[in-house]
Amino acid sequence: MTNVALLVRLEAKKGKEMEVEKFLRDGLSIVENEPATTTWYALRFGPSTFGIFDTFPDNKGREAHLSGEVAKALKQRSSELFSQPPVIEKIDVLEAKQPEMTHH
């Protein structure tokens, strides 16, 4: 079950839009190794506005993600890629429709 989420808004510096897009696409391979990250989406809201939306079963999973590799990379490259610091919102998930877990 998904109970908590994060919404991160990112504003790319002028001319860095393609780099931000690549940075976000590369993030998928990192979060695939995070068992407590239920879902992870890289988003584009507009020409220079990007985001990440991810969900977790509990606050422990969310905190683990916030201290994980994607968060570290975001901090390291923040001044290079973004015109302002990332805006990170902690969200409670009331309900969610998710694919059934299939057992092999």
N, C-alpha and C. Protein backbone atom coordinates (compact mmCIF):
# COMPACT_ATOMS: atom_id res chain seq x y z
N MET A 1 0.84 -1.19 0.00
CA MET A 1 0.00 0.00 0.00
C MET A 1 0.88 1.25 0.00
N THR A 2 0.44 2.24 -0.71
CA THR A 2 1.13 3.52 -0.79
C THR A 2 0.49 4.49 0.19
N ASN A 3 1.26 5.02 1.11
CA ASN A 3 0.70 5.93 2.11
C ASN A 3 1.26 7.34 2.06
N VAL A 4 2.52 7.47 1.63
CA VAL A 4 3.14 8.79 1.60
C VAL A 4 3.85 8.99 0.27
N ALA A 5 4.08 10.27 -0.07
CA ALA A 5 4.69 10.59 -1.36
C ALA A 5 5.57 11.82 -1.24
N LEU A 6 6.30 12.07 -2.32
CA LEU A 6 7.08 13.30 -2.46
C LEU A 6 6.75 13.91 -3.81
N LEU A 7 6.64 15.22 -3.84
CA LEU A 7 6.54 15.94 -5.10
C LEU A 7 7.68 16.95 -5.11
N VAL A 8 8.57 16.81 -6.07
CA VAL A 8 9.73 17.70 -6.18
C VAL A 8 9.58 18.51 -7.46
N ARG A 9 9.62 19.83 -7.32
CA ARG A 9 9.55 20.71 -8.50
C ARG A 9 10.94 21.26 -8.79
N LEU A 10 11.32 21.19 -10.07
CA LEU A 10 12.66 21.60 -10.51
C LEU A 10 12.53 22.59 -11.65
N GLU A 11 13.22 23.70 -11.53
CA GLU A 11 13.22 24.71 -12.59
C GLU A 11 14.60 24.72 -13.24
N ALA A 12 14.66 24.30 -14.51
CA ALA A 12 15.94 24.20 -15.21
C ALA A 12 16.48 25.59 -15.53
N LYS A 13 17.81 25.72 -15.44
CA LYS A 13 18.46 26.94 -15.91
C LYS A 13 18.27 27.04 -17.42
N LYS A 14 18.24 28.25 -17.93
CA LYS A 14 18.11 28.46 -19.37
C LYS A 14 19.23 27.71 -20.10
N GLY A 15 18.85 26.91 -21.09
CA GLY A 15 19.84 26.15 -21.85
C GLY A 15 20.19 24.80 -21.24
N LYS A 16 19.68 24.50 -20.04
CA LYS A 16 20.02 23.23 -19.37
C LYS A 16 18.85 22.22 -19.41
N GLU A 17 17.79 22.55 -20.15
CA GLU A 17 16.59 21.70 -20.16
C GLU A 17 16.88 20.26 -20.57
N MET A 18 17.67 20.08 -21.62
CA MET A 18 17.97 18.72 -22.09
C MET A 18 18.81 17.96 -21.06
N GLU A 19 19.71 18.66 -20.39
CA GLU A 19 20.53 18.01 -19.35
C GLU A 19 19.67 17.59 -18.16
N VAL A 20 18.70 18.44 -17.79
CA VAL A 20 17.81 18.09 -16.68
C VAL A 20 16.98 16.86 -17.07
N GLU A 21 16.49 16.84 -18.32
CA GLU A 21 15.71 15.68 -18.77
C GLU A 21 16.55 14.41 -18.71
N LYS A 22 17.78 14.47 -19.17
CA LYS A 22 18.66 13.30 -19.12
C LYS A 22 18.94 12.88 -17.67
N PHE A 23 19.19 13.87 -16.81
CA PHE A 23 19.44 13.61 -15.39
C PHE A 23 18.26 12.83 -14.79
N LEU A 24 17.04 13.28 -15.09
CA LEU A 24 15.86 12.61 -14.55
C LEU A 24 15.69 11.21 -15.13
N ARG A 25 15.90 11.06 -16.44
CA ARG A 25 15.79 9.72 -17.05
C ARG A 25 16.80 8.76 -16.44
N ASP A 26 18.01 9.25 -16.17
CA ASP A 26 19.05 8.40 -15.58
C ASP A 26 18.70 8.02 -14.13
N GLY A 27 17.86 8.82 -13.49
CA GLY A 27 17.48 8.54 -12.11
C GLY A 27 16.71 7.24 -11.95
N LEU A 28 16.02 6.81 -13.00
CA LEU A 28 15.20 5.60 -12.91
C LEU A 28 16.03 4.39 -12.51
N SER A 29 17.20 4.23 -13.13
CA SER A 29 18.02 3.05 -12.82
C SER A 29 18.47 3.04 -11.37
N ILE A 30 18.60 4.23 -10.76
CA ILE A 30 19.00 4.31 -9.36
C ILE A 30 17.85 3.88 -8.45
N VAL A 31 16.65 4.44 -8.68
CA VAL A 31 15.54 4.13 -7.78
C VAL A 31 15.03 2.71 -7.95
N GLU A 32 15.36 2.06 -9.07
CA GLU A 32 14.97 0.65 -9.22
C GLU A 32 15.64 -0.22 -8.16
N ASN A 33 16.72 0.26 -7.56
CA ASN A 33 17.41 -0.47 -6.49
C ASN A 33 16.93 -0.08 -5.10
N GLU A 34 15.84 0.71 -5.02
CA GLU A 34 15.30 1.13 -3.72
C GLU A 34 13.99 0.37 -3.47
N PRO A 35 14.04 -0.70 -2.68
CA PRO A 35 12.83 -1.50 -2.48
C PRO A 35 11.68 -0.74 -1.83
N ALA A 36 11.99 0.30 -1.05
CA ALA A 36 10.92 1.04 -0.35
C ALA A 36 10.34 2.17 -1.20
N THR A 37 10.82 2.33 -2.44
CA THR A 37 10.21 3.29 -3.36
C THR A 37 9.20 2.52 -4.19
N THR A 38 7.90 2.75 -3.91
CA THR A 38 6.83 2.00 -4.58
C THR A 38 6.70 2.40 -6.04
N THR A 39 6.55 3.70 -6.29
CA THR A 39 6.47 4.21 -7.66
C THR A 39 7.36 5.44 -7.77
N TRP A 40 7.84 5.72 -8.97
CA TRP A 40 8.71 6.88 -9.21
C TRP A 40 8.42 7.39 -10.61
N TYR A 41 8.12 8.67 -10.71
CA TYR A 41 7.82 9.29 -12.00
C TYR A 41 8.70 10.51 -12.19
N ALA A 42 9.33 10.62 -13.36
CA ALA A 42 10.01 11.85 -13.75
C ALA A 42 9.03 12.61 -14.62
N LEU A 43 8.83 13.90 -14.33
CA LEU A 43 7.78 14.69 -14.97
C LEU A 43 8.33 15.92 -15.67
N ARG A 44 7.58 16.37 -16.68
CA ARG A 44 7.88 17.67 -17.29
C ARG A 44 6.58 18.46 -17.32
N PHE A 45 6.55 19.59 -16.58
CA PHE A 45 5.35 20.40 -16.50
C PHE A 45 5.27 21.43 -17.62
N GLY A 46 6.44 21.84 -18.11
CA GLY A 46 6.49 22.87 -19.15
C GLY A 46 7.88 22.92 -19.72
N PRO A 47 8.17 23.95 -20.54
CA PRO A 47 9.46 24.01 -21.24
C PRO A 47 10.67 23.86 -20.31
N SER A 48 10.63 24.50 -19.12
CA SER A 48 11.80 24.45 -18.24
C SER A 48 11.45 23.94 -16.84
N THR A 49 10.20 23.52 -16.64
CA THR A 49 9.76 23.06 -15.33
C THR A 49 9.60 21.55 -15.32
N PHE A 50 10.35 20.91 -14.41
CA PHE A 50 10.36 19.46 -14.31
C PHE A 50 9.97 19.05 -12.90
N GLY A 51 9.83 17.76 -12.71
CA GLY A 51 9.51 17.31 -11.37
C GLY A 51 9.73 15.82 -11.20
N ILE A 52 9.62 15.40 -9.95
CA ILE A 52 9.66 13.98 -9.60
C ILE A 52 8.48 13.75 -8.66
N PHE A 53 7.73 12.69 -8.93
CA PHE A 53 6.67 12.27 -8.02
C PHE A 53 6.95 10.82 -7.67
N ASP A 54 7.07 10.53 -6.38
CA ASP A 54 7.31 9.15 -5.99
C ASP A 54 6.52 8.82 -4.74
N THR A 55 6.22 7.52 -4.61
CA THR A 55 5.38 7.07 -3.50
C THR A 55 6.10 5.98 -2.71
N PHE A 56 5.67 5.87 -1.44
CA PHE A 56 6.33 4.96 -0.50
C PHE A 56 5.29 4.34 0.42
N PRO A 57 5.58 3.15 0.97
CA PRO A 57 4.63 2.51 1.88
C PRO A 57 4.55 3.22 3.22
N ASP A 58 5.62 3.89 3.63
CA ASP A 58 5.64 4.54 4.94
C ASP A 58 6.71 5.62 4.97
N ASN A 59 6.72 6.36 6.07
CA ASN A 59 7.66 7.47 6.21
C ASN A 59 9.11 7.00 6.21
N LYS A 60 9.35 5.80 6.74
CA LYS A 60 10.72 5.26 6.77
C LYS A 60 11.26 5.11 5.34
N GLY A 61 10.43 4.59 4.45
CA GLY A 61 10.83 4.44 3.05
C GLY A 61 11.08 5.78 2.39
N ARG A 62 10.23 6.76 2.72
CA ARG A 62 10.40 8.10 2.15
C ARG A 62 11.70 8.73 2.64
N GLU A 63 11.97 8.59 3.93
CA GLU A 63 13.21 9.16 4.48
C GLU A 63 14.44 8.47 3.88
N ALA A 64 14.35 7.15 3.67
CA ALA A 64 15.46 6.41 3.05
C ALA A 64 15.74 6.97 1.65
N HIS A 65 14.66 7.26 0.91
CA HIS A 65 14.83 7.81 -0.43
C HIS A 65 15.44 9.21 -0.37
N LEU A 66 15.00 10.01 0.60
CA LEU A 66 15.52 11.38 0.73
C LEU A 66 17.01 11.41 1.07
N SER A 67 17.51 10.32 1.64
CA SER A 67 18.95 10.26 1.92
C SER A 67 19.66 9.34 0.93
N GLY A 68 18.98 8.99 -0.16
CA GLY A 68 19.54 8.07 -1.15
C GLY A 68 20.33 8.75 -2.25
N GLU A 69 20.63 7.97 -3.28
CA GLU A 69 21.54 8.42 -4.35
C GLU A 69 20.95 9.52 -5.22
N VAL A 70 19.65 9.46 -5.53
CA VAL A 70 19.06 10.49 -6.39
C VAL A 70 19.09 11.83 -5.67
N ALA A 71 18.75 11.82 -4.37
CA ALA A 71 18.78 13.06 -3.59
C ALA A 71 20.19 13.63 -3.53
N LYS A 72 21.19 12.76 -3.35
CA LYS A 72 22.59 13.22 -3.32
C LYS A 72 22.97 13.87 -4.65
N ALA A 73 22.59 13.21 -5.74
CA ALA A 73 22.92 13.74 -7.07
C ALA A 73 22.21 15.07 -7.31
N LEU A 74 20.96 15.17 -6.86
CA LEU A 74 20.22 16.44 -7.00
C LEU A 74 20.96 17.56 -6.29
N LYS A 75 21.41 17.29 -5.06
CA LYS A 75 22.13 18.31 -4.29
C LYS A 75 23.43 18.70 -4.98
N GLN A 76 24.18 17.69 -5.45
CA GLN A 76 25.48 17.94 -6.07
C GLN A 76 25.36 18.78 -7.33
N ARG A 77 24.30 18.56 -8.11
CA ARG A 77 24.19 19.23 -9.41
C ARG A 77 23.21 20.39 -9.40
N SER A 78 22.66 20.70 -8.23
CA SER A 78 21.61 21.72 -8.12
C SER A 78 22.01 23.06 -8.73
N SER A 79 23.17 23.60 -8.33
CA SER A 79 23.56 24.93 -8.81
C SER A 79 23.92 24.92 -10.29
N GLU A 80 24.33 23.76 -10.79
CA GLU A 80 24.69 23.63 -12.21
C GLU A 80 23.44 23.56 -13.10
N LEU A 81 22.42 22.80 -12.67
CA LEU A 81 21.27 22.52 -13.54
C LEU A 81 20.05 23.39 -13.30
N PHE A 82 19.86 23.87 -12.05
CA PHE A 82 18.59 24.50 -11.70
C PHE A 82 18.75 25.98 -11.38
N SER A 83 17.72 26.75 -11.74
CA SER A 83 17.75 28.19 -11.50
C SER A 83 17.39 28.54 -10.06
N GLN A 84 16.84 27.58 -9.32
CA GLN A 84 16.52 27.77 -7.90
C GLN A 84 16.59 26.41 -7.22
N PRO A 85 16.70 26.38 -5.89
CA PRO A 85 16.77 25.08 -5.22
C PRO A 85 15.50 24.26 -5.46
N PRO A 86 15.62 22.92 -5.56
CA PRO A 86 14.43 22.08 -5.74
C PRO A 86 13.43 22.30 -4.60
N VAL A 87 12.14 22.34 -4.95
CA VAL A 87 11.08 22.46 -3.95
C VAL A 87 10.56 21.06 -3.67
N ILE A 88 10.76 20.61 -2.42
CA ILE A 88 10.38 19.24 -2.04
C ILE A 88 9.18 19.30 -1.11
N GLU A 89 8.07 18.70 -1.54
CA GLU A 89 6.86 18.66 -0.72
C GLU A 89 6.60 17.23 -0.26
N LYS A 90 6.37 17.07 1.03
CA LYS A 90 5.99 15.76 1.58
C LYS A 90 4.47 15.68 1.58
N ILE A 91 3.94 14.63 0.98
CA ILE A 91 2.51 14.51 0.74
C ILE A 91 1.99 13.21 1.36
N ASP A 92 0.76 13.25 1.88
CA ASP A 92 0.08 12.03 2.30
C ASP A 92 -0.79 11.54 1.15
N VAL A 93 -0.76 10.24 0.87
CA VAL A 93 -1.59 9.65 -0.18
C VAL A 93 -2.85 9.11 0.48
N LEU A 94 -4.01 9.59 0.04
CA LEU A 94 -5.28 9.15 0.62
C LEU A 94 -5.73 7.83 0.00
N GLU A 95 -5.68 7.74 -1.31
CA GLU A 95 -6.04 6.52 -2.03
C GLU A 95 -5.17 6.42 -3.27
N ALA A 96 -5.00 5.20 -3.79
CA ALA A 96 -4.21 5.01 -5.00
C ALA A 96 -4.71 3.78 -5.75
N LYS A 97 -4.69 3.86 -7.06
CA LYS A 97 -4.95 2.68 -7.89
C LYS A 97 -3.60 2.23 -8.40
N GLN A 98 -3.24 1.01 -8.06
CA GLN A 98 -1.94 0.49 -8.47
C GLN A 98 -2.11 -0.87 -9.12
N PRO A 99 -1.18 -1.26 -9.99
CA PRO A 99 -1.26 -2.59 -10.59
C PRO A 99 -1.16 -3.67 -9.50
N GLU A 100 -1.86 -4.74 -9.73
CA GLU A 100 -1.76 -5.88 -8.82
C GLU A 100 -0.34 -6.43 -8.85
N MET A 101 0.16 -6.85 -7.71
CA MET A 101 1.47 -7.49 -7.67
C MET A 101 1.32 -8.90 -8.19
N THR A 102 2.14 -9.24 -9.18
CA THR A 102 2.06 -10.61 -9.72
C THR A 102 3.18 -11.43 -9.14
N HIS A 103 2.87 -12.65 -8.76
CA HIS A 103 3.87 -13.56 -8.21
C HIS A 103 4.26 -14.57 -9.27
N HIS A 104 5.54 -14.73 -9.48
CA HIS A 104 6.03 -15.68 -10.50
C HIS A 104 6.38 -17.00 -9.87
